[in-house]
Structure formats: structure tokens, C-alpha cells
């Protein structure tokens, strides 16, 4: 079995810290029980906070850093155990919580007979670098107070999609991606096989280009080609995205890059032929400046049996 939290590293940091906390707390509960103390691990921070001075519930929440409902619940449990006492203030609105003699005794026993061993054990588990680990945790906590994770993420821009040029090592992706979508809706024709099995000879060596999209974490998931069909004419062919990457706007990203490349190459016309069943692709073509063109249909659509749509790129129309 693989460890999904470990495999994705810092992406699942919150879940991993919770898992770590659950494991440590489970061991801590057994340690406390073996020491004969009537409390739970979650009670300890409250006891030690009140060991310094009596506080209101709001003050305890601030120094412990745990939600008020959790603090209130733990305080109620500790009062029932006779370890804390509650005194209503003069204004009748605030309660002051303080240690009882029994609570002070529990706190001292934990400090004398549990904490030293736990600190040594944690240091061993950290390979002798517990202090470094705790400093990093404090820095993380302090930084999150200043800048919450969601705010920081919104400020960071990372290129999750990158364009890669054709190479013989990537040629199989050109065949695999296009075979997937063609066979899902149609049948591979001889004209398809000729291009997919020989992309360098059929496209690259005749003046065309093949581009790929590399998505961070997924690898190569999309491809498209410009095939030179005349002195300045180029056809957009074999444009597809793996099913696993659908919905990520890979196709739109790739088509924009192909159009940019075609303009640099002086493509005139830049055109494509397709099939009416490819509604999502046709909608994308229309969105980015392709228009249905009868002239393209008459001149270029005959080579592919399934072609019943022909479009030409005319962004300024």
C-alpha cells in the first residue's frame, strides 16, 4: 500500500500533521494512564496555562490556541474531575478558571514524571533534532498568523502547463493521445495511421511542427500539429488531450500556443477539418478565432472520410 499523504509531500501538510498529532496523542494518552493521572492529553495545555495564573476562558483560548468550544468542553471535564474551579466575576459575565490543589498536584506529577521521558523519546524519534523540528513548527505557525495559506497561495503564480517541442522520445505520445480520442468516437483511417506512425517524416521533415503540453504532476497529456500543405498554408491536425486531463483547459492552452506558432511561421491560411460530432472541439475553435469556411471544405476536406466541418483562422473578422 502506498502512502498518499507522504507521496504528495507538502500539498497534504495539514492532513499529515493531523495524522501525526493523532498518533502522538494516542501514545500520550497511554503514557498518562500508565502514570495514574485522571486526565487526557488535551487537558494538559490548560492545566499548565493555569499553573501560571488564573484566567478567563477567552484568555485560555488565546494562550492555548485551540477553539473556544474545545476549551470550554475540556474545562467542564476538568471541573468535574475536581482539578479546576470556576468563579464568577463581579460583573457576572466572566468566569475565572483556576487550578485546585488536586489540579496543581496532577500538573506537578506530569512535569516531574512524564515530561522528561517524553522529551527524550521525541528527540530520539526526530533523530536527535527535535529542537530544530520545533523551531520550524513555530516559524510555520507564526508565518501562518501573518499570512494565511490561502492568501499566500493566491499570490503565487506557477506555470503548471508547459509546451514541449517534438522529439523522437515524445513521438509515442503523439500516437497514443490521438489514437485514444479517434478510436473513442470514430475508426482509425489509413491517413491517420500514416501520420501517427511516422510523425517526423510526415510533419516535421516537411516543414511542420508538433507541440506537446506537459502538465505539472501529470506529464505529457496533450498534443497538436501544424502540417505544411502549401507555400504558406498550414493545417491544424491531430489535436487532442488524454481523457484523464479533460476539464483542465489543456486544450485551450495548447490551441493558443499552436496559433501563436502558426502566426510566427506566417501561416496563410491556417485551417482545420473536423467532424460535427466533435462539438467541444469545434466550440473551442470558434472561441479562439476559427470560422466555418466552404472554400476550405472544398479544397482540403476530401482526404479524410469523417471530415464534414472545415474552418479557417480569421481573428480579425
C-alpha atoms as a PDB file:
ATOM      1  CA  UNK A   1       0.000   0.000   0.000  1.00  0.00           C
ATOM      2  CA  UNK A   2       1.311   3.450  -0.884  1.00  0.00           C
ATOM      3  CA  UNK A   3       1.116   6.407   1.495  1.00  0.00           C
ATOM      4  CA  UNK A   4      -0.895   9.098  -0.287  1.00  0.00           C
ATOM      5  CA  UNK A   5      -0.146  11.764   2.340  1.00  0.00           C
ATOM      6  CA  UNK A   6       3.571  11.061   2.130  1.00  0.00           C
ATOM      7  CA  UNK A   7       3.629  10.806  -1.657  1.00  0.00           C
ATOM      8  CA  UNK A   8       2.194  14.297  -2.169  1.00  0.00           C
ATOM      9  CA  UNK A   9       4.512  15.950   0.352  1.00  0.00           C
ATOM     10  CA  UNK A  10       3.639  19.448   1.496  1.00  0.00           C
ATOM     11  CA  UNK A  11       0.388  19.548  -0.500  1.00  0.00           C
ATOM     12  CA  UNK A  12      -1.282  17.456   2.217  1.00  0.00           C
ATOM     13  CA  UNK A  13       0.640  19.024   5.098  1.00  0.00           C
ATOM     14  CA  UNK A  14      -2.478  19.730   7.164  1.00  0.00           C
ATOM     15  CA  UNK A  15      -3.742  16.154   6.901  1.00  0.00           C
ATOM     16  CA  UNK A  16      -0.287  14.772   7.589  1.00  0.00           C
ATOM     17  CA  UNK A  17       0.163  16.924  10.700  1.00  0.00           C
ATOM     18  CA  UNK A  18      -3.265  15.792  11.917  1.00  0.00           C
ATOM     19  CA  UNK A  19      -2.291  12.155  11.383  1.00  0.00           C
ATOM     20  CA  UNK A  20       0.969  12.747  13.227  1.00  0.00           C
ATOM     21  CA  UNK A  21      -0.899  14.517  16.015  1.00  0.00           C
ATOM     22  CA  UNK A  22      -3.390  11.663  16.326  1.00  0.00           C
ATOM     23  CA  UNK A  23      -0.586   9.122  16.673  1.00  0.00           C
ATOM     24  CA  UNK A  24       1.291  11.186  19.254  1.00  0.00           C
ATOM     25  CA  UNK A  25      -1.890  11.893  21.211  1.00  0.00           C
ATOM     26  CA  UNK A  26      -2.803   8.203  21.287  1.00  0.00           C
ATOM     27  CA  UNK A  27       0.602   7.359  22.752  1.00  0.00           C
ATOM     28  CA  UNK A  28       0.379  10.290  25.167  1.00  0.00           C
ATOM     29  CA  UNK A  29      -2.975   9.036  26.443  1.00  0.00           C
ATOM     30  CA  UNK A  30      -1.440   5.656  27.255  1.00  0.00           C
ATOM     31  CA  UNK A  31       1.539   7.308  28.970  1.00  0.00           C
ATOM     32  CA  UNK A  32      -0.756   9.436  31.130  1.00  0.00           C
ATOM     33  CA  UNK A  33      -2.927   6.459  32.018  1.00  0.00           C
ATOM     34  CA  UNK A  34       0.123   4.377  32.953  1.00  0.00           C
ATOM     35  CA  UNK A  35       1.246   7.215  35.227  1.00  0.00           C
ATOM     36  CA  UNK A  36      -2.075   7.016  37.081  1.00  0.00           C
ATOM     37  CA  UNK A  37      -3.241  10.504  36.166  1.00  0.00           C
ATOM     38  CA  UNK A  38      -7.000  11.053  35.553  1.00  0.00           C
ATOM     39  CA  UNK A  39      -6.625  13.366  32.549  1.00  0.00           C
ATOM     40  CA  UNK A  40      -6.291  13.263  28.776  1.00  0.00           C
ATOM     41  CA  UNK A  41      -3.522  14.775  26.596  1.00  0.00           C
ATOM     42  CA  UNK A  42      -5.805  17.615  25.547  1.00  0.00           C
ATOM     43  CA  UNK A  43      -6.226  18.655  29.181  1.00  0.00           C
ATOM     44  CA  UNK A  44      -2.517  19.208  29.769  1.00  0.00           C
ATOM     45  CA  UNK A  45      -2.078  22.586  27.998  1.00  0.00           C
ATOM     46  CA  UNK A  46      -4.970  24.008  30.036  1.00  0.00           C
ATOM     47  CA  UNK A  47      -3.518  22.787  33.333  1.00  0.00           C
ATOM     48  CA  UNK A  48      -0.120  24.282  32.562  1.00  0.00           C
ATOM     49  CA  UNK A  49      -1.605  27.561  31.334  1.00  0.00           C
ATOM     50  CA  UNK A  50      -3.500  27.898  34.629  1.00  0.00           C
ATOM     51  CA  UNK A  51      -0.389  26.853  36.518  1.00  0.00           C
ATOM     52  CA  UNK A  52       0.924  30.345  35.821  1.00  0.00           C
ATOM     53  CA  UNK A  53      -2.198  32.309  36.739  1.00  0.00           C
ATOM     54  CA  UNK A  54      -5.984  32.130  36.872  1.00  0.00           C
ATOM     55  CA  UNK A  55      -7.632  33.103  33.588  1.00  0.00           C
ATOM     56  CA  UNK A  56     -10.945  33.612  31.883  1.00  0.00           C
ATOM     57  CA  UNK A  57     -11.993  31.171  29.167  1.00  0.00           C
ATOM     58  CA  UNK A  58     -11.171  33.724  26.454  1.00  0.00           C
ATOM     59  CA  UNK A  59      -7.681  34.174  27.870  1.00  0.00           C
ATOM     60  CA  UNK A  60      -7.134  30.409  27.927  1.00  0.00           C
ATOM     61  CA  UNK A  61      -8.254  30.202  24.298  1.00  0.00           C
ATOM     62  CA  UNK A  62      -5.655  32.810  23.324  1.00  0.00           C
ATOM     63  CA  UNK A  63      -2.698  31.253  25.146  1.00  0.00           C
ATOM     64  CA  UNK A  64      -3.504  27.659  24.170  1.00  0.00           C
ATOM     65  CA  UNK A  65      -4.592  28.460  20.600  1.00  0.00           C
ATOM     66  CA  UNK A  66      -7.445  25.958  20.448  1.00  0.00           C
ATOM     67  CA  UNK A  67     -11.050  26.759  19.527  1.00  0.00           C
ATOM     68  CA  UNK A  68     -13.333  28.011  22.300  1.00  0.00           C
ATOM     69  CA  UNK A  69     -15.801  25.084  22.102  1.00  0.00           C
ATOM     70  CA  UNK A  70     -12.928  22.634  22.657  1.00  0.00           C
ATOM     71  CA  UNK A  71     -11.508  24.665  25.550  1.00  0.00           C
ATOM     72  CA  UNK A  72     -14.936  25.035  27.173  1.00  0.00           C
ATOM     73  CA  UNK A  73     -15.566  21.294  26.892  1.00  0.00           C
ATOM     74  CA  UNK A  74     -12.193  20.412  28.428  1.00  0.00           C
ATOM     75  CA  UNK A  75     -12.656  22.917  31.261  1.00  0.00           C
ATOM     76  CA  UNK A  76     -16.012  21.344  32.092  1.00  0.00           C
ATOM     77  CA  UNK A  77     -14.391  17.907  32.226  1.00  0.00           C
ATOM     78  CA  UNK A  78     -11.569  19.158  34.478  1.00  0.00           C
ATOM     79  CA  UNK A  79     -14.048  20.856  36.824  1.00  0.00           C
ATOM     80  CA  UNK A  80     -15.967  17.577  37.080  1.00  0.00           C
ATOM     81  CA  UNK A  81     -12.688  15.836  37.981  1.00  0.00           C
ATOM     82  CA  UNK A  82     -12.093  18.387  40.737  1.00  0.00           C
ATOM     83  CA  UNK A  83      -8.932  19.710  39.099  1.00  0.00           C
ATOM     84  CA  UNK A  84     -10.255  23.193  38.242  1.00  0.00           C
ATOM     85  CA  UNK A  85     -12.566  25.649  39.935  1.00  0.00           C
ATOM     86  CA  UNK A  86     -14.717  28.338  38.358  1.00  0.00           C
ATOM     87  CA  UNK A  87     -15.514  31.685  39.947  1.00  0.00           C
ATOM     88  CA  UNK A  88     -17.986  34.174  38.532  1.00  0.00           C
ATOM     89  CA  UNK A  89     -16.630  37.719  38.261  1.00  0.00           C
ATOM     90  CA  UNK A  90     -18.115  40.833  39.809  1.00  0.00           C
ATOM     91  CA  UNK A  91     -19.924  41.811  36.604  1.00  0.00           C
ATOM     92  CA  UNK A  92     -21.486  38.313  36.391  1.00  0.00           C
ATOM     93  CA  UNK A  93     -20.341  37.985  32.788  1.00  0.00           C
ATOM     94  CA  UNK A  94     -16.905  36.423  33.064  1.00  0.00           C
ATOM     95  CA  UNK A  95     -15.755  33.327  34.870  1.00  0.00           C
ATOM     96  CA  UNK A  96     -12.263  32.996  36.229  1.00  0.00           C
ATOM     97  CA  UNK A  97     -10.827  29.497  35.997  1.00  0.00           C
ATOM     98  CA  UNK A  98      -8.093  28.364  38.363  1.00  0.00           C
ATOM     99  CA  UNK A  99      -6.318  25.197  39.490  1.00  0.00           C
ATOM    100  CA  UNK A 100      -7.464  23.384  42.590  1.00  0.00           C
ATOM    101  CA  UNK A 101      -4.954  21.719  44.883  1.00  0.00           C
ATOM    102  CA  UNK A 102      -5.683  18.421  43.103  1.00  0.00           C
ATOM    103  CA  UNK A 103      -5.136  20.079  39.736  1.00  0.00           C
ATOM    104  CA  UNK A 104      -1.823  21.512  40.865  1.00  0.00           C
ATOM    105  CA  UNK A 105      -0.748  18.048  42.055  1.00  0.00           C
ATOM    106  CA  UNK A 106      -1.588  16.488  38.668  1.00  0.00           C
ATOM    107  CA  UNK A 107       0.340  19.214  36.881  1.00  0.00           C
ATOM    108  CA  UNK A 108       3.434  18.715  39.042  1.00  0.00           C
ATOM    109  CA  UNK A 109       3.364  14.915  38.657  1.00  0.00           C
ATOM    110  CA  UNK A 110       3.179  15.286  34.876  1.00  0.00           C
ATOM    111  CA  UNK A 111       6.060  17.746  34.872  1.00  0.00           C
ATOM    112  CA  UNK A 112       8.239  15.543  37.084  1.00  0.00           C
ATOM    113  CA  UNK A 113       7.442  12.021  35.941  1.00  0.00           C
ATOM    114  CA  UNK A 114       6.204  12.300  32.336  1.00  0.00           C
ATOM    115  CA  UNK A 115       7.668  15.319  30.573  1.00  0.00           C
ATOM    116  CA  UNK A 116      11.394  14.407  30.816  1.00  0.00           C
ATOM    117  CA  UNK A 117      10.832  10.956  29.351  1.00  0.00           C
ATOM    118  CA  UNK A 118       8.519  12.257  26.629  1.00  0.00           C
ATOM    119  CA  UNK A 119      11.011  14.953  25.625  1.00  0.00           C
ATOM    120  CA  UNK A 120      13.802  12.390  25.377  1.00  0.00           C
ATOM    121  CA  UNK A 121      11.615   9.981  23.392  1.00  0.00           C
ATOM    122  CA  UNK A 122      10.544  12.701  20.923  1.00  0.00           C
ATOM    123  CA  UNK A 123      14.171  13.733  20.450  1.00  0.00           C
ATOM    124  CA  UNK A 124      15.081  10.123  19.638  1.00  0.00           C
ATOM    125  CA  UNK A 125      12.184   9.861  17.177  1.00  0.00           C
ATOM    126  CA  UNK A 126      13.456  13.048  15.493  1.00  0.00           C
ATOM    127  CA  UNK A 127      16.953  11.638  15.190  1.00  0.00           C
ATOM    128  CA  UNK A 128      18.284  13.974  17.846  1.00  0.00           C
ATOM    129  CA  UNK A 129      16.946  17.114  16.156  1.00  0.00           C
ATOM    130  CA  UNK A 130      13.663  17.711  17.979  1.00  0.00           C
ATOM    131  CA  UNK A 131      14.650  21.283  18.813  1.00  0.00           C
ATOM    132  CA  UNK A 132      15.163  22.065  15.106  1.00  0.00           C
ATOM    133  CA  UNK A 133      11.824  20.470  14.227  1.00  0.00           C
ATOM    134  CA  UNK A 134      10.030  22.507  16.902  1.00  0.00           C
ATOM    135  CA  UNK A 135      11.656  25.729  15.709  1.00  0.00           C
ATOM    136  CA  UNK A 136      10.430  25.007  12.196  1.00  0.00           C
ATOM    137  CA  UNK A 137       6.938  24.342  13.533  1.00  0.00           C
ATOM    138  CA  UNK A 138       6.952  27.639  15.430  1.00  0.00           C
ATOM    139  CA  UNK A 139       8.119  29.506  12.342  1.00  0.00           C
ATOM    140  CA  UNK A 140       5.337  27.887  10.322  1.00  0.00           C
ATOM    141  CA  UNK A 141       2.731  28.772  12.945  1.00  0.00           C
ATOM    142  CA  UNK A 142       3.966  32.371  13.239  1.00  0.00           C
ATOM    143  CA  UNK A 143       4.063  32.846   9.478  1.00  0.00           C
ATOM    144  CA  UNK A 144       0.539  31.467   9.067  1.00  0.00           C
ATOM    145  CA  UNK A 145      -0.725  34.021  11.559  1.00  0.00           C
ATOM    146  CA  UNK A 146       0.806  36.830   9.478  1.00  0.00           C
ATOM    147  CA  UNK A 147      -0.171  35.376   6.083  1.00  0.00           C
ATOM    148  CA  UNK A 148      -2.778  32.571   5.945  1.00  0.00           C
ATOM    149  CA  UNK A 149      -2.049  29.798   3.455  1.00  0.00           C
ATOM    150  CA  UNK A 150      -4.960  30.700   1.159  1.00  0.00           C
ATOM    151  CA  UNK A 151      -3.750  34.312   0.911  1.00  0.00           C
ATOM    152  CA  UNK A 152      -0.191  33.219   0.133  1.00  0.00           C
ATOM    153  CA  UNK A 153      -1.360  30.715  -2.490  1.00  0.00           C
ATOM    154  CA  UNK A 154      -3.341  33.460  -4.256  1.00  0.00           C
ATOM    155  CA  UNK A 155      -0.120  35.497  -4.570  1.00  0.00           C
ATOM    156  CA  UNK A 156       1.999  32.719  -6.078  1.00  0.00           C
ATOM    157  CA  UNK A 157       1.953  32.130  -9.818  1.00  0.00           C
ATOM    158  CA  UNK A 158       3.385  28.850 -11.104  1.00  0.00           C
ATOM    159  CA  UNK A 159       3.345  27.635 -14.687  1.00  0.00           C
ATOM    160  CA  UNK A 160       1.506  24.331 -14.342  1.00  0.00           C
ATOM    161  CA  UNK A 161       1.365  23.830 -18.114  1.00  0.00           C
ATOM    162  CA  UNK A 162       4.407  23.946 -20.355  1.00  0.00           C
ATOM    163  CA  UNK A 163       4.904  23.491 -24.074  1.00  0.00           C
ATOM    164  CA  UNK A 164       7.444  20.940 -25.264  1.00  0.00           C
ATOM    165  CA  UNK A 165       8.739  20.582 -28.796  1.00  0.00           C
ATOM    166  CA  UNK A 166       8.649  17.359 -30.762  1.00  0.00           C
ATOM    167  CA  UNK A 167      11.391  14.803 -30.206  1.00  0.00           C
ATOM    168  CA  UNK A 168      11.654  11.158 -31.125  1.00  0.00           C
ATOM    169  CA  UNK A 169      11.381  10.319 -27.407  1.00  0.00           C
ATOM    170  CA  UNK A 170       7.974  12.022 -27.246  1.00  0.00           C
ATOM    171  CA  UNK A 171       6.688  10.668 -30.554  1.00  0.00           C
ATOM    172  CA  UNK A 172       4.737   7.853 -28.894  1.00  0.00           C
ATOM    173  CA  UNK A 173       2.621  10.414 -27.015  1.00  0.00           C
ATOM    174  CA  UNK A 174       1.555  11.878 -30.351  1.00  0.00           C
ATOM    175  CA  UNK A 175       0.304   8.467 -31.400  1.00  0.00           C
ATOM    176  CA  UNK A 176      -1.190   7.451 -28.032  1.00  0.00           C
ATOM    177  CA  UNK A 177      -3.141  10.675 -27.401  1.00  0.00           C
ATOM    178  CA  UNK A 178      -4.623  10.821 -30.871  1.00  0.00           C
ATOM    179  CA  UNK A 179      -5.381   7.113 -31.053  1.00  0.00           C
ATOM    180  CA  UNK A 180      -7.345   7.415 -27.804  1.00  0.00           C
ATOM    181  CA  UNK A 181      -9.761  10.113 -28.974  1.00  0.00           C
ATOM    182  CA  UNK A 182     -10.082   8.850 -32.534  1.00  0.00           C
ATOM    183  CA  UNK A 183     -10.930   5.287 -31.517  1.00  0.00           C
ATOM    184  CA  UNK A 184     -13.339   6.545 -28.845  1.00  0.00           C
ATOM    185  CA  UNK A 185     -15.536   8.264 -31.456  1.00  0.00           C
ATOM    186  CA  UNK A 186     -14.518   7.017 -34.892  1.00  0.00           C
ATOM    187  CA  UNK A 187     -12.272   4.469 -36.575  1.00  0.00           C
ATOM    188  CA  UNK A 188      -8.626   4.958 -37.423  1.00  0.00           C
ATOM    189  CA  UNK A 189      -8.249   5.556 -41.134  1.00  0.00           C
ATOM    190  CA  UNK A 190      -5.199   4.864 -43.253  1.00  0.00           C
ATOM    191  CA  UNK A 191      -4.488   8.593 -43.405  1.00  0.00           C
ATOM    192  CA  UNK A 192      -4.445   8.640 -39.576  1.00  0.00           C
ATOM    193  CA  UNK A 193      -2.070   5.701 -39.270  1.00  0.00           C
ATOM    194  CA  UNK A 194       0.320   7.143 -41.822  1.00  0.00           C
ATOM    195  CA  UNK A 195       0.760  10.352 -39.818  1.00  0.00           C
ATOM    196  CA  UNK A 196       0.636   8.855 -36.308  1.00  0.00           C
ATOM    197  CA  UNK A 197       3.172   6.144 -37.070  1.00  0.00           C
ATOM    198  CA  UNK A 198       5.587   8.461 -38.916  1.00  0.00           C
ATOM    199  CA  UNK A 199       5.252  11.942 -37.373  1.00  0.00           C
ATOM    200  CA  UNK A 200       8.799  13.037 -38.135  1.00  0.00           C
ATOM    201  CA  UNK A 201       8.625  12.139 -41.820  1.00  0.00           C
ATOM    202  CA  UNK A 202       5.030  13.253 -42.335  1.00  0.00           C
ATOM    203  CA  UNK A 203       5.067  16.525 -40.391  1.00  0.00           C
ATOM    204  CA  UNK A 204       8.451  17.676 -39.067  1.00  0.00           C
ATOM    205  CA  UNK A 205      10.583  16.940 -42.134  1.00  0.00           C
ATOM    206  CA  UNK A 206       8.035  18.574 -44.445  1.00  0.00           C
ATOM    207  CA  UNK A 207       8.133  21.928 -42.626  1.00  0.00           C
ATOM    208  CA  UNK A 208       5.538  21.403 -39.917  1.00  0.00           C
ATOM    209  CA  UNK A 209       5.669  21.331 -36.126  1.00  0.00           C
ATOM    210  CA  UNK A 210       4.302  19.147 -33.345  1.00  0.00           C
ATOM    211  CA  UNK A 211       3.768  20.561 -29.873  1.00  0.00           C
ATOM    212  CA  UNK A 212       3.026  18.824 -26.581  1.00  0.00           C
ATOM    213  CA  UNK A 213       1.572  20.021 -23.286  1.00  0.00           C
ATOM    214  CA  UNK A 214       3.365  18.902 -20.146  1.00  0.00           C
ATOM    215  CA  UNK A 215       1.162  19.381 -17.072  1.00  0.00           C
ATOM    216  CA  UNK A 216       2.834  19.513 -13.677  1.00  0.00           C
ATOM    217  CA  UNK A 217       2.144  16.249 -11.878  1.00  0.00           C
ATOM    218  CA  UNK A 218       0.573  14.560 -14.924  1.00  0.00           C
ATOM    219  CA  UNK A 219       3.265  14.695 -17.596  1.00  0.00           C
ATOM    220  CA  UNK A 220       2.500  14.868 -21.341  1.00  0.00           C
ATOM    221  CA  UNK A 221      -1.279  14.978 -21.749  1.00  0.00           C
ATOM    222  CA  UNK A 222      -1.975  16.892 -24.951  1.00  0.00           C
ATOM    223  CA  UNK A 223      -0.620  17.367 -28.448  1.00  0.00           C
ATOM    224  CA  UNK A 224      -1.322  19.101 -31.718  1.00  0.00           C
ATOM    225  CA  UNK A 225       0.432  19.577 -35.040  1.00  0.00           C
ATOM    226  CA  UNK A 226       0.752  22.073 -37.850  1.00  0.00           C
ATOM    227  CA  UNK A 227       1.200  20.298 -41.174  1.00  0.00           C
ATOM    228  CA  UNK A 228       2.536  22.340 -44.067  1.00  0.00           C
ATOM    229  CA  UNK A 229       0.246  21.878 -47.062  1.00  0.00           C
ATOM    230  CA  UNK A 230       1.449  24.637 -49.381  1.00  0.00           C
ATOM    231  CA  UNK A 231       3.865  27.515 -49.704  1.00  0.00           C
ATOM    232  CA  UNK A 232       2.263  29.312 -46.744  1.00  0.00           C
ATOM    233  CA  UNK A 233      -0.729  27.120 -45.867  1.00  0.00           C
ATOM    234  CA  UNK A 234      -0.788  25.040 -42.692  1.00  0.00           C
ATOM    235  CA  UNK A 235      -3.378  22.602 -41.411  1.00  0.00           C
ATOM    236  CA  UNK A 236      -4.033  22.088 -37.715  1.00  0.00           C
ATOM    237  CA  UNK A 237      -4.162  18.306 -37.341  1.00  0.00           C
ATOM    238  CA  UNK A 238      -4.145  15.617 -34.685  1.00  0.00           C
ATOM    239  CA  UNK A 239      -5.177  17.936 -31.887  1.00  0.00           C
ATOM    240  CA  UNK A 240      -6.131  16.035 -28.742  1.00  0.00           C
ATOM    241  CA  UNK A 241      -5.905  15.645 -24.977  1.00  0.00           C
ATOM    242  CA  UNK A 242      -5.819  12.492 -22.871  1.00  0.00           C
ATOM    243  CA  UNK A 243      -9.165  11.739 -21.214  1.00  0.00           C
ATOM    244  CA  UNK A 244      -7.542  11.934 -17.776  1.00  0.00           C
ATOM    245  CA  UNK A 245      -6.738  15.615 -18.361  1.00  0.00           C
ATOM    246  CA  UNK A 246     -10.113  16.727 -19.708  1.00  0.00           C
ATOM    247  CA  UNK A 247     -11.631  19.675 -17.876  1.00  0.00           C
ATOM    248  CA  UNK A 248      -8.271  21.270 -17.051  1.00  0.00           C
ATOM    249  CA  UNK A 249      -8.338  23.649 -20.069  1.00  0.00           C
ATOM    250  CA  UNK A 250      -5.317  21.896 -21.539  1.00  0.00           C
ATOM    251  CA  UNK A 251      -6.857  22.073 -24.999  1.00  0.00           C
ATOM    252  CA  UNK A 252      -7.395  25.825 -24.833  1.00  0.00           C
ATOM    253  CA  UNK A 253      -3.848  26.393 -23.583  1.00  0.00           C
ATOM    254  CA  UNK A 254      -2.433  24.219 -26.361  1.00  0.00           C
ATOM    255  CA  UNK A 255      -4.542  25.733 -29.141  1.00  0.00           C
ATOM    256  CA  UNK A 256      -3.456  29.261 -28.181  1.00  0.00           C
ATOM    257  CA  UNK A 257       0.185  28.182 -28.350  1.00  0.00           C
ATOM    258  CA  UNK A 258      -0.308  26.473 -31.713  1.00  0.00           C
ATOM    259  CA  UNK A 259      -1.956  29.592 -33.125  1.00  0.00           C
ATOM    260  CA  UNK A 260       0.947  31.729 -31.879  1.00  0.00           C
ATOM    261  CA  UNK A 261       3.408  29.389 -33.558  1.00  0.00           C
ATOM    262  CA  UNK A 262       1.403  29.419 -36.779  1.00  0.00           C
ATOM    263  CA  UNK A 263       1.399  33.224 -36.853  1.00  0.00           C
ATOM    264  CA  UNK A 264       5.176  33.312 -36.349  1.00  0.00           C
ATOM    265  CA  UNK A 265       5.511  30.870 -39.253  1.00  0.00           C
ATOM    266  CA  UNK A 266       3.369  33.108 -41.463  1.00  0.00           C
ATOM    267  CA  UNK A 267       0.564  30.568 -41.887  1.00  0.00           C
ATOM    268  CA  UNK A 268      -1.948  31.760 -44.505  1.00  0.00           C
ATOM    269  CA  UNK A 269      -4.318  30.126 -44.421  1.00  0.00           C
ATOM    270  CA  UNK A 270      -4.308  28.343 -41.076  1.00  0.00           C
ATOM    271  CA  UNK A 271      -7.171  25.872 -41.285  1.00  0.00           C
ATOM    272  CA  UNK A 272      -8.556  22.601 -39.974  1.00  0.00           C
ATOM    273  CA  UNK A 273     -11.068  19.934 -40.867  1.00  0.00           C
ATOM    274  CA  UNK A 274     -13.135  18.097 -38.294  1.00  0.00           C
ATOM    275  CA  UNK A 275     -16.412  16.310 -37.671  1.00  0.00           C
ATOM    276  CA  UNK A 276     -19.697  17.691 -36.345  1.00  0.00           C
ATOM    277  CA  UNK A 277     -19.653  15.155 -33.522  1.00  0.00           C
ATOM    278  CA  UNK A 278     -16.608  16.903 -32.025  1.00  0.00           C
ATOM    279  CA  UNK A 279     -18.818  19.617 -30.515  1.00  0.00           C
ATOM    280  CA  UNK A 280     -16.476  20.592 -27.660  1.00  0.00           C
ATOM    281  CA  UNK A 281     -13.506  20.953 -30.009  1.00  0.00           C
ATOM    282  CA  UNK A 282     -15.487  22.958 -32.557  1.00  0.00           C
ATOM    283  CA  UNK A 283     -16.715  25.288 -29.820  1.00  0.00           C
ATOM    284  CA  UNK A 284     -13.098  25.837 -28.757  1.00  0.00           C
ATOM    285  CA  UNK A 285     -12.010  26.536 -32.324  1.00  0.00           C
ATOM    286  CA  UNK A 286     -14.801  29.089 -32.692  1.00  0.00           C
ATOM    287  CA  UNK A 287     -13.893  30.704 -29.379  1.00  0.00           C
ATOM    288  CA  UNK A 288     -10.293  31.270 -30.486  1.00  0.00           C
ATOM    289  CA  UNK A 289     -10.961  32.706 -33.930  1.00  0.00           C
ATOM    290  CA  UNK A 290     -11.748  29.877 -36.373  1.00  0.00           C
ATOM    291  CA  UNK A 291     -14.713  30.295 -38.723  1.00  0.00           C
ATOM    292  CA  UNK A 292     -16.546  27.759 -40.869  1.00  0.00           C
ATOM    293  CA  UNK A 293     -15.387  28.109 -44.460  1.00  0.00           C
ATOM    294  CA  UNK A 294     -16.848  26.462 -47.551  1.00  0.00           C
ATOM    295  CA  UNK A 295     -13.720  27.183 -49.551  1.00  0.00           C
ATOM    296  CA  UNK A 296     -11.581  25.225 -47.100  1.00  0.00           C
ATOM    297  CA  UNK A 297     -14.122  22.402 -47.203  1.00  0.00           C
ATOM    298  CA  UNK A 298     -13.935  22.143 -50.995  1.00  0.00           C
ATOM    299  CA  UNK A 299     -10.158  22.429 -51.215  1.00  0.00           C
ATOM    300  CA  UNK A 300      -8.902  20.378 -48.272  1.00  0.00           C
ATOM    301  CA  UNK A 301     -11.569  18.147 -46.669  1.00  0.00           C
ATOM    302  CA  UNK A 302     -11.526  15.307 -49.173  1.00  0.00           C
ATOM    303  CA  UNK A 303      -8.564  13.388 -47.750  1.00  0.00           C
ATOM    304  CA  UNK A 304     -10.362  12.368 -44.544  1.00  0.00           C
ATOM    305  CA  UNK A 305     -13.606  10.375 -44.779  1.00  0.00           C
ATOM    306  CA  UNK A 306     -15.038  11.637 -41.486  1.00  0.00           C
ATOM    307  CA  UNK A 307     -14.433  15.331 -42.288  1.00  0.00           C
ATOM    308  CA  UNK A 308     -17.696  17.276 -42.550  1.00  0.00           C
ATOM    309  CA  UNK A 309     -16.517  20.513 -40.922  1.00  0.00           C
ATOM    310  CA  UNK A 310     -13.886  22.899 -42.308  1.00  0.00           C
ATOM    311  CA  UNK A 311     -12.675  26.065 -40.558  1.00  0.00           C
ATOM    312  CA  UNK A 312     -10.241  28.852 -41.221  1.00  0.00           C
ATOM    313  CA  UNK A 313      -8.462  31.047 -38.677  1.00  0.00           C
ATOM    314  CA  UNK A 314      -9.547  34.663 -39.152  1.00  0.00           C
ATOM    315  CA  UNK A 315      -9.092  36.524 -35.820  1.00  0.00           C
ATOM    316  CA  UNK A 316      -9.890  39.978 -37.252  1.00  0.00           C
ATOM    317  CA  UNK A 317     -13.105  39.001 -38.955  1.00  0.00           C
END
